[in-house]
Amino acid sequence: MNLTHTRLLVNNYQECYDFYKNTLEFECRWGDENSNYAQFQVGNTQLSIFEKKQQLDDLNETLVESSSPLNEVVLIFAVEDVDETYQSLQSKVDFISEPHDREDWGIRVAHFRDPNGTLIEINRNIMV
C-alpha cells in the first residue's frame, strides 16, 4: 500500500475550501469552491476536502452529528520557524495555543482549527 493523501470530510465545504486555498495558501490541484471536493498540494503529499454528506451518501450511511469539538484527525505541518509562521497566520486564524516548546515531544508547537473544527498543529523539531 502507498498512502497518497489525507481526505477531510467537512460539513462546510466552501468555508474550508477558502481556508485551505486562501488562508493557508495551499495550491489547489483539483476542484474549486463549488465542486464539493478539492485536492491541495502540501509539500510532498495531498490534502483533500470533501463535503461529508456526499461521501456518506456514497456509502449509504447517515450523517451523525458529534457533540465533541475535537475531530478524530489532527493535521500536523512541519514549518521552518513556528514563531514566524504563527506571526504570519495570527491575523488569519484563531490560535488555540501560542508557540511553546514541548521538550517531552521534542518540538516547538502551536495549534489552531480549520472552519470544520479540525485541529491543526504547526511544529518544528527542537531535538538536535
N, C-alpha and C. Protein backbone atom coordinates (compact mmCIF):
# COMPACT_ATOMS: atom_id res chain seq x y z
N MET A 1 0.83 -1.19 0.00
CA MET A 1 0.00 0.00 0.00
C MET A 1 0.87 1.25 0.00
N ASN A 2 0.32 2.31 -0.58
CA ASN A 2 1.01 3.58 -0.64
C ASN A 2 0.01 4.67 -0.28
N LEU A 3 0.24 5.36 0.83
CA LEU A 3 -0.66 6.44 1.24
C LEU A 3 -0.49 7.60 0.27
N THR A 4 -1.57 7.98 -0.41
CA THR A 4 -1.49 9.03 -1.42
C THR A 4 -1.88 10.40 -0.89
N HIS A 5 -2.87 10.44 0.02
CA HIS A 5 -3.28 11.72 0.58
C HIS A 5 -4.23 11.51 1.75
N THR A 6 -4.52 12.58 2.43
CA THR A 6 -5.49 12.58 3.52
C THR A 6 -6.72 13.34 3.06
N ARG A 7 -7.91 12.77 3.30
CA ARG A 7 -9.16 13.41 2.93
C ARG A 7 -9.92 13.78 4.21
N LEU A 8 -10.26 15.06 4.33
CA LEU A 8 -11.09 15.51 5.44
C LEU A 8 -12.53 15.60 4.96
N LEU A 9 -13.44 15.01 5.71
CA LEU A 9 -14.87 15.12 5.41
C LEU A 9 -15.39 16.31 6.20
N VAL A 10 -15.94 17.28 5.49
CA VAL A 10 -16.31 18.55 6.12
C VAL A 10 -17.79 18.86 5.92
N ASN A 11 -18.35 19.56 6.88
CA ASN A 11 -19.75 19.98 6.81
C ASN A 11 -19.91 21.31 6.08
N ASN A 12 -18.86 22.09 6.02
CA ASN A 12 -18.92 23.45 5.46
C ASN A 12 -17.85 23.58 4.37
N TYR A 13 -18.09 22.93 3.26
CA TYR A 13 -17.10 22.80 2.20
C TYR A 13 -16.53 24.14 1.72
N GLN A 14 -17.39 25.08 1.36
CA GLN A 14 -16.90 26.33 0.77
C GLN A 14 -16.02 27.10 1.75
N GLU A 15 -16.41 27.12 3.00
CA GLU A 15 -15.61 27.80 4.02
C GLU A 15 -14.25 27.12 4.19
N CYS A 16 -14.24 25.80 4.18
CA CYS A 16 -12.98 25.06 4.30
C CYS A 16 -12.12 25.24 3.05
N TYR A 17 -12.74 25.25 1.88
CA TYR A 17 -12.00 25.48 0.65
C TYR A 17 -11.28 26.83 0.72
N ASP A 18 -12.00 27.85 1.11
CA ASP A 18 -11.42 29.18 1.22
C ASP A 18 -10.27 29.18 2.24
N PHE A 19 -10.45 28.48 3.35
CA PHE A 19 -9.42 28.41 4.39
C PHE A 19 -8.13 27.80 3.86
N TYR A 20 -8.21 26.64 3.24
CA TYR A 20 -7.00 25.97 2.76
C TYR A 20 -6.38 26.68 1.55
N LYS A 21 -7.21 27.22 0.67
CA LYS A 21 -6.69 27.88 -0.53
C LYS A 21 -6.17 29.28 -0.22
N ASN A 22 -6.97 30.07 0.49
CA ASN A 22 -6.64 31.49 0.66
C ASN A 22 -5.96 31.81 1.99
N THR A 23 -6.37 31.18 3.06
CA THR A 23 -5.76 31.48 4.35
C THR A 23 -4.40 30.79 4.49
N LEU A 24 -4.36 29.48 4.24
CA LEU A 24 -3.10 28.75 4.34
C LEU A 24 -2.31 28.78 3.03
N GLU A 25 -2.96 29.22 1.95
CA GLU A 25 -2.33 29.40 0.64
C GLU A 25 -1.76 28.10 0.06
N PHE A 26 -2.52 26.99 0.21
CA PHE A 26 -2.14 25.73 -0.41
C PHE A 26 -2.58 25.75 -1.87
N GLU A 27 -1.78 25.17 -2.73
CA GLU A 27 -2.10 25.11 -4.16
C GLU A 27 -3.20 24.08 -4.40
N CYS A 28 -4.31 24.52 -5.00
CA CYS A 28 -5.40 23.61 -5.33
C CYS A 28 -5.06 22.93 -6.65
N ARG A 29 -4.96 21.62 -6.62
CA ARG A 29 -4.60 20.85 -7.81
C ARG A 29 -5.83 20.28 -8.51
N TRP A 30 -6.96 20.21 -7.81
CA TRP A 30 -8.19 19.68 -8.41
C TRP A 30 -9.37 20.25 -7.63
N GLY A 31 -10.41 20.67 -8.34
CA GLY A 31 -11.62 21.17 -7.72
C GLY A 31 -11.61 22.69 -7.60
N ASP A 32 -12.73 23.21 -7.10
CA ASP A 32 -12.86 24.65 -6.86
C ASP A 32 -13.84 24.88 -5.72
N GLU A 33 -14.20 26.14 -5.50
CA GLU A 33 -15.05 26.47 -4.36
C GLU A 33 -16.46 25.89 -4.46
N ASN A 34 -16.87 25.40 -5.62
CA ASN A 34 -18.22 24.87 -5.79
C ASN A 34 -18.27 23.37 -6.08
N SER A 35 -17.14 22.70 -6.15
CA SER A 35 -17.11 21.30 -6.59
C SER A 35 -17.41 20.29 -5.48
N ASN A 36 -17.43 20.73 -4.24
CA ASN A 36 -17.65 19.86 -3.07
C ASN A 36 -16.54 18.84 -2.85
N TYR A 37 -15.48 18.90 -3.66
CA TYR A 37 -14.27 18.11 -3.46
C TYR A 37 -13.12 18.92 -4.03
N ALA A 38 -12.04 19.00 -3.27
CA ALA A 38 -10.84 19.69 -3.76
C ALA A 38 -9.62 18.98 -3.20
N GLN A 39 -8.55 19.05 -3.96
CA GLN A 39 -7.31 18.42 -3.55
C GLN A 39 -6.20 19.47 -3.62
N PHE A 40 -5.47 19.59 -2.53
CA PHE A 40 -4.41 20.59 -2.40
C PHE A 40 -3.05 19.90 -2.31
N GLN A 41 -2.06 20.51 -2.96
CA GLN A 41 -0.69 20.04 -2.84
C GLN A 41 -0.10 20.67 -1.57
N VAL A 42 0.41 19.82 -0.68
CA VAL A 42 1.01 20.31 0.56
C VAL A 42 2.34 19.59 0.73
N GLY A 43 3.40 20.26 0.36
CA GLY A 43 4.71 19.62 0.39
C GLY A 43 4.73 18.44 -0.56
N ASN A 44 5.07 17.27 -0.04
CA ASN A 44 5.16 16.06 -0.87
C ASN A 44 3.90 15.21 -0.83
N THR A 45 2.81 15.73 -0.29
CA THR A 45 1.59 14.95 -0.18
C THR A 45 0.38 15.76 -0.61
N GLN A 46 -0.76 15.13 -0.63
CA GLN A 46 -2.01 15.78 -1.00
C GLN A 46 -2.94 15.82 0.21
N LEU A 47 -3.66 16.91 0.34
CA LEU A 47 -4.71 17.05 1.35
C LEU A 47 -5.99 17.36 0.60
N SER A 48 -7.02 16.55 0.79
CA SER A 48 -8.27 16.83 0.11
C SER A 48 -9.37 17.11 1.13
N ILE A 49 -10.36 17.85 0.68
CA ILE A 49 -11.56 18.10 1.48
C ILE A 49 -12.74 17.65 0.63
N PHE A 50 -13.73 17.07 1.29
CA PHE A 50 -14.89 16.53 0.60
C PHE A 50 -16.11 16.80 1.46
N GLU A 51 -17.17 17.24 0.84
CA GLU A 51 -18.42 17.51 1.55
C GLU A 51 -18.88 16.20 2.19
N LYS A 52 -18.99 16.20 3.52
CA LYS A 52 -19.24 14.98 4.28
C LYS A 52 -20.50 14.25 3.84
N LYS A 53 -21.58 14.98 3.60
CA LYS A 53 -22.85 14.34 3.22
C LYS A 53 -22.70 13.55 1.92
N GLN A 54 -21.96 14.09 0.95
CA GLN A 54 -21.77 13.38 -0.31
C GLN A 54 -21.01 12.07 -0.11
N GLN A 55 -19.98 12.10 0.72
CA GLN A 55 -19.22 10.88 0.99
C GLN A 55 -20.10 9.84 1.67
N LEU A 56 -20.89 10.28 2.66
CA LEU A 56 -21.76 9.35 3.36
C LEU A 56 -22.86 8.81 2.47
N ASP A 57 -23.41 9.65 1.60
CA ASP A 57 -24.41 9.18 0.64
C ASP A 57 -23.84 8.05 -0.22
N ASP A 58 -22.60 8.21 -0.64
CA ASP A 58 -21.95 7.19 -1.47
C ASP A 58 -21.80 5.87 -0.71
N LEU A 59 -21.68 5.95 0.60
CA LEU A 59 -21.53 4.75 1.43
C LEU A 59 -22.87 4.25 1.98
N ASN A 60 -23.96 4.94 1.60
CA ASN A 60 -25.30 4.64 2.14
C ASN A 60 -25.32 4.71 3.66
N GLU A 61 -24.62 5.71 4.19
CA GLU A 61 -24.60 5.94 5.63
C GLU A 61 -25.27 7.26 5.93
N THR A 62 -25.69 7.44 7.19
CA THR A 62 -26.39 8.64 7.63
C THR A 62 -25.44 9.54 8.40
N LEU A 63 -25.59 10.85 8.20
CA LEU A 63 -24.79 11.82 8.92
C LEU A 63 -25.21 11.84 10.39
N VAL A 64 -24.25 11.64 11.28
CA VAL A 64 -24.49 11.71 12.71
C VAL A 64 -23.64 12.84 13.25
N GLU A 65 -24.29 13.83 13.85
CA GLU A 65 -23.56 14.97 14.40
C GLU A 65 -22.94 14.60 15.73
N SER A 66 -21.71 15.01 15.92
CA SER A 66 -21.00 14.77 17.17
C SER A 66 -21.04 16.03 18.01
N SER A 67 -21.17 15.85 19.32
CA SER A 67 -21.16 17.00 20.21
C SER A 67 -19.74 17.38 20.59
N SER A 68 -18.78 16.56 20.21
CA SER A 68 -17.38 16.82 20.55
C SER A 68 -16.78 17.84 19.59
N PRO A 69 -16.11 18.89 20.10
CA PRO A 69 -15.48 19.85 19.21
C PRO A 69 -14.21 19.32 18.58
N LEU A 70 -13.67 18.23 19.10
CA LEU A 70 -12.41 17.69 18.60
C LEU A 70 -12.69 16.57 17.61
N ASN A 71 -12.32 16.79 16.36
CA ASN A 71 -12.43 15.73 15.38
C ASN A 71 -11.38 14.67 15.67
N GLU A 72 -11.46 13.55 15.01
CA GLU A 72 -10.54 12.46 15.25
C GLU A 72 -9.25 12.59 14.47
N VAL A 73 -9.08 13.68 13.74
CA VAL A 73 -7.90 13.88 12.92
C VAL A 73 -7.17 15.13 13.40
N VAL A 74 -5.85 15.06 13.43
CA VAL A 74 -5.02 16.23 13.67
C VAL A 74 -4.08 16.34 12.48
N LEU A 75 -4.10 17.47 11.80
CA LEU A 75 -3.17 17.72 10.71
C LEU A 75 -1.93 18.36 11.29
N ILE A 76 -0.78 17.79 10.98
CA ILE A 76 0.48 18.27 11.55
C ILE A 76 1.38 18.73 10.41
N PHE A 77 1.77 19.99 10.47
CA PHE A 77 2.62 20.58 9.44
C PHE A 77 3.94 21.01 10.05
N ALA A 78 5.03 20.49 9.49
CA ALA A 78 6.35 20.94 9.88
C ALA A 78 6.61 22.29 9.22
N VAL A 79 7.15 23.23 9.97
CA VAL A 79 7.47 24.56 9.45
C VAL A 79 8.91 24.89 9.81
N GLU A 80 9.49 25.82 9.07
CA GLU A 80 10.87 26.24 9.34
C GLU A 80 10.99 26.95 10.68
N ASP A 81 10.00 27.80 10.99
CA ASP A 81 10.04 28.60 12.21
C ASP A 81 8.61 28.75 12.74
N VAL A 82 8.33 28.14 13.87
CA VAL A 82 6.98 28.16 14.44
C VAL A 82 6.55 29.59 14.77
N ASP A 83 7.45 30.37 15.36
CA ASP A 83 7.10 31.73 15.76
C ASP A 83 6.81 32.62 14.54
N GLU A 84 7.60 32.47 13.50
CA GLU A 84 7.40 33.25 12.28
C GLU A 84 6.08 32.85 11.60
N THR A 85 5.80 31.56 11.53
CA THR A 85 4.55 31.09 10.94
C THR A 85 3.36 31.56 11.78
N TYR A 86 3.50 31.48 13.08
CA TYR A 86 2.46 31.97 14.00
C TYR A 86 2.16 33.45 13.71
N GLN A 87 3.22 34.26 13.60
CA GLN A 87 3.04 35.69 13.32
C GLN A 87 2.35 35.91 11.98
N SER A 88 2.73 35.14 10.97
CA SER A 88 2.16 35.36 9.64
C SER A 88 0.70 34.91 9.55
N LEU A 89 0.30 33.96 10.39
CA LEU A 89 -1.09 33.46 10.36
C LEU A 89 -1.99 34.10 11.43
N GLN A 90 -1.41 34.78 12.39
CA GLN A 90 -2.17 35.26 13.55
C GLN A 90 -3.36 36.14 13.18
N SER A 91 -3.26 36.93 12.12
CA SER A 91 -4.39 37.77 11.71
C SER A 91 -5.42 37.00 10.89
N LYS A 92 -5.10 35.75 10.52
CA LYS A 92 -5.98 34.95 9.66
C LYS A 92 -6.70 33.84 10.40
N VAL A 93 -6.12 33.34 11.49
CA VAL A 93 -6.72 32.22 12.23
C VAL A 93 -6.71 32.54 13.73
N ASP A 94 -7.58 31.86 14.46
CA ASP A 94 -7.62 31.98 15.91
C ASP A 94 -6.81 30.84 16.52
N PHE A 95 -5.64 31.16 17.01
CA PHE A 95 -4.79 30.14 17.60
C PHE A 95 -5.35 29.69 18.94
N ILE A 96 -5.26 28.39 19.19
CA ILE A 96 -5.66 27.79 20.46
C ILE A 96 -4.50 27.89 21.44
N SER A 97 -3.29 27.76 20.92
CA SER A 97 -2.10 27.86 21.76
C SER A 97 -1.06 28.72 21.08
N GLU A 98 -0.31 29.46 21.89
CA GLU A 98 0.80 30.25 21.38
C GLU A 98 1.99 29.31 21.20
N PRO A 99 2.97 29.73 20.42
CA PRO A 99 4.16 28.88 20.25
C PRO A 99 4.80 28.58 21.62
N HIS A 100 5.10 27.30 21.80
CA HIS A 100 5.75 26.88 23.04
C HIS A 100 6.52 25.59 22.78
N ASP A 101 7.53 25.37 23.60
CA ASP A 101 8.33 24.16 23.48
C ASP A 101 7.67 23.02 24.24
N ARG A 102 7.62 21.86 23.60
CA ARG A 102 7.21 20.61 24.24
C ARG A 102 8.44 19.72 24.23
N GLU A 103 9.31 19.95 25.20
CA GLU A 103 10.57 19.22 25.23
C GLU A 103 10.34 17.72 25.31
N ASP A 104 9.25 17.30 25.98
CA ASP A 104 8.96 15.87 26.07
C ASP A 104 8.59 15.28 24.71
N TRP A 105 8.12 16.11 23.79
CA TRP A 105 7.81 15.67 22.43
C TRP A 105 8.95 15.99 21.48
N GLY A 106 9.88 16.87 21.91
CA GLY A 106 11.00 17.26 21.08
C GLY A 106 10.66 18.29 20.01
N ILE A 107 9.59 19.08 20.25
CA ILE A 107 9.16 20.05 19.24
C ILE A 107 8.76 21.38 19.87
N ARG A 108 8.81 22.42 19.05
CA ARG A 108 8.17 23.71 19.34
C ARG A 108 6.87 23.68 18.56
N VAL A 109 5.77 24.14 19.16
CA VAL A 109 4.46 23.85 18.61
C VAL A 109 3.47 24.99 18.86
N ALA A 110 2.46 25.09 17.99
CA ALA A 110 1.29 25.96 18.18
C ALA A 110 0.11 25.28 17.47
N HIS A 111 -1.12 25.60 17.91
CA HIS A 111 -2.31 24.93 17.37
C HIS A 111 -3.41 25.92 17.00
N PHE A 112 -4.18 25.55 15.99
CA PHE A 112 -5.40 26.27 15.61
C PHE A 112 -6.34 25.28 14.95
N ARG A 113 -7.54 25.70 14.58
CA ARG A 113 -8.52 24.83 13.94
C ARG A 113 -8.92 25.40 12.58
N ASP A 114 -9.32 24.50 11.67
CA ASP A 114 -9.90 24.95 10.42
C ASP A 114 -11.38 25.23 10.66
N PRO A 115 -12.10 25.76 9.67
CA PRO A 115 -13.52 26.08 9.88
C PRO A 115 -14.40 24.88 10.21
N ASN A 116 -13.94 23.67 9.92
CA ASN A 116 -14.71 22.47 10.24
C ASN A 116 -14.41 21.95 11.64
N GLY A 117 -13.43 22.55 12.32
CA GLY A 117 -13.06 22.12 13.66
C GLY A 117 -11.87 21.18 13.71
N THR A 118 -11.27 20.88 12.54
CA THR A 118 -10.11 20.01 12.51
C THR A 118 -8.93 20.71 13.18
N LEU A 119 -8.32 20.01 14.11
CA LEU A 119 -7.17 20.56 14.83
C LEU A 119 -5.95 20.54 13.92
N ILE A 120 -5.24 21.67 13.88
CA ILE A 120 -4.04 21.80 13.06
C ILE A 120 -2.88 22.19 13.97
N GLU A 121 -1.79 21.47 13.79
CA GLU A 121 -0.58 21.75 14.56
C GLU A 121 0.52 22.17 13.61
N ILE A 122 1.22 23.25 13.97
CA ILE A 122 2.45 23.60 13.28
C ILE A 122 3.58 23.31 14.26
N ASN A 123 4.66 22.72 13.77
CA ASN A 123 5.75 22.41 14.69
C ASN A 123 7.09 22.40 14.01
N ARG A 124 8.11 22.43 14.82
CA ARG A 124 9.49 22.31 14.37
C ARG A 124 10.24 21.50 15.39
N ASN A 125 11.05 20.58 14.91
CA ASN A 125 11.85 19.73 15.76
C ASN A 125 12.87 20.58 16.51
N ILE A 126 12.96 20.41 17.84
CA ILE A 126 13.96 21.15 18.63
C ILE A 126 15.07 20.22 19.11
N MET A 127 14.96 18.95 18.75
CA MET A 127 15.99 17.99 19.13
C MET A 127 17.13 18.08 18.11
N VAL A 128 18.33 18.00 18.60
CA VAL A 128 19.50 18.08 17.71
C VAL A 128 19.93 16.70 17.29
